[in-house]
Protein backbone atom coordinates (compact mmCIF):
# COMPACT_ATOMS: atom_id res chain seq x y z
CA UNK A 1 41.16 -95.49 -27.63
CA UNK A 2 43.66 -97.80 -29.10
CA UNK A 3 42.48 -101.33 -29.66
CA UNK A 4 45.17 -102.88 -27.12
CA UNK A 5 43.12 -101.24 -24.03
CA UNK A 6 40.68 -103.41 -22.51
CA UNK A 7 39.57 -101.12 -19.68
CA UNK A 8 39.12 -97.46 -20.21
CA UNK A 9 39.06 -94.94 -17.41
CA UNK A 10 38.09 -91.06 -17.45
CA UNK A 11 39.94 -89.17 -15.38
CA UNK A 12 39.25 -85.37 -14.62
CA UNK A 13 41.23 -82.85 -13.98
CA UNK A 14 41.67 -79.04 -13.47
CA UNK A 15 44.60 -77.01 -14.93
CA UNK A 16 45.61 -73.37 -14.65
CA UNK A 17 48.03 -71.75 -17.06
CA UNK A 18 50.26 -70.96 -14.39
CA UNK A 19 50.74 -74.52 -13.47
CA UNK A 20 54.06 -76.40 -13.96
CA UNK A 21 52.49 -79.91 -13.97
CA UNK A 22 49.40 -81.92 -14.19
CA UNK A 23 48.51 -84.21 -11.74
CA UNK A 24 46.88 -87.09 -12.80
CA UNK A 25 46.15 -88.78 -10.03
CA UNK A 26 47.17 -91.94 -11.17
CA UNK A 27 49.32 -93.64 -9.06
CA UNK A 28 52.46 -96.43 -9.96
CA UNK A 29 52.88 -99.71 -8.80
CA UNK A 30 57.01 -100.63 -9.85
CA UNK A 31 60.16 -98.45 -9.81
CA UNK A 32 61.49 -97.62 -13.11
CA UNK A 33 61.14 -95.85 -16.62
CA UNK A 34 57.44 -95.25 -17.66
CA UNK A 35 56.70 -94.52 -21.10
CA UNK A 36 53.79 -92.37 -21.31
CA UNK A 37 51.80 -91.57 -24.62
CA UNK A 38 49.32 -88.35 -24.69
CA UNK A 39 47.09 -87.95 -27.96
CA UNK A 40 45.13 -85.27 -28.93
CA UNK A 41 43.56 -84.19 -32.58
CA UNK A 42 45.31 -87.81 -33.58
CA UNK A 43 48.63 -86.04 -32.28
CA UNK A 44 50.92 -87.59 -29.78
CA UNK A 45 53.19 -86.71 -27.85
CA UNK A 46 55.48 -89.02 -25.92
CA UNK A 47 57.43 -88.86 -22.45
CA UNK A 48 59.87 -91.08 -19.91
CA UNK A 49 59.33 -90.51 -16.47
CA UNK A 50 61.40 -92.24 -13.89
CA UNK A 51 59.20 -93.29 -10.97
CA UNK A 52 59.30 -95.13 -7.53
CA UNK A 53 56.38 -97.12 -6.60
CA UNK A 54 53.73 -95.23 -5.07
CA UNK A 55 54.74 -92.21 -6.82
CA UNK A 56 51.76 -89.92 -8.84
CA UNK A 57 52.20 -89.56 -12.02
CA UNK A 58 52.05 -85.71 -13.08
CA UNK A 59 52.73 -84.74 -16.46
CA UNK A 60 54.31 -81.57 -17.68
CA UNK A 61 51.41 -78.78 -18.63
CA UNK A 62 51.21 -78.80 -22.15
CA UNK A 63 48.16 -80.06 -21.91
CA UNK A 64 44.96 -78.23 -24.12
CA UNK A 65 42.50 -76.94 -21.68
CA UNK A 66 38.70 -77.84 -21.92
CA UNK A 67 39.43 -80.70 -24.28
CA UNK A 68 40.07 -84.67 -23.87
CA UNK A 69 42.99 -86.61 -24.14
CA UNK A 70 43.76 -90.21 -24.75
CA UNK A 71 46.34 -91.13 -21.98
CA UNK A 72 48.45 -94.96 -22.34
CA UNK A 73 51.26 -95.31 -19.03
CA UNK A 74 53.18 -98.17 -19.80
CA UNK A 75 55.42 -99.74 -16.49
CA UNK A 76 59.11 -101.13 -17.37
CA UNK A 77 58.23 -103.98 -18.08
CA UNK A 78 56.33 -102.49 -20.92
CA UNK A 79 52.94 -103.67 -20.07
CA UNK A 80 50.05 -101.14 -19.84
CA UNK A 81 49.65 -100.11 -16.34
CA UNK A 82 46.49 -100.81 -14.31
CA UNK A 83 45.50 -103.04 -17.86
CA UNK A 84 43.78 -99.39 -18.52
CA UNK A 85 43.90 -96.35 -20.93
CA UNK A 86 42.48 -93.30 -19.64
CA UNK A 87 40.77 -90.30 -21.39
CA UNK A 88 42.21 -87.12 -19.44
CA UNK A 89 39.60 -84.65 -19.22
CA UNK A 90 41.52 -81.47 -19.17
CA UNK A 91 39.10 -78.77 -17.71
CA UNK A 92 40.68 -74.67 -17.49
CA UNK A 93 40.91 -73.10 -14.23
CA UNK A 94 41.46 -69.02 -14.66
CA UNK A 95 42.97 -67.92 -11.20
């Protein structure tokens, strides 16, 4: 995890190839644009989402199944959401 992560939380998600999004279960606490950085195997993907307070962060389904990704979510004021980085464990579901 990056050095600026004071806390790390593990999130386990179950994803099918048919799913269009990955529900992280992370709820945002303010309206605005959230910057998201997803790291897998030393490569980064970045996203920006316009969210309202109370919305749940849903990522596009372009994660690698059965692997762990590092996830950082930055609030509109550029601070780390919940002062936490996330370890996103992706499990593939066969449907």
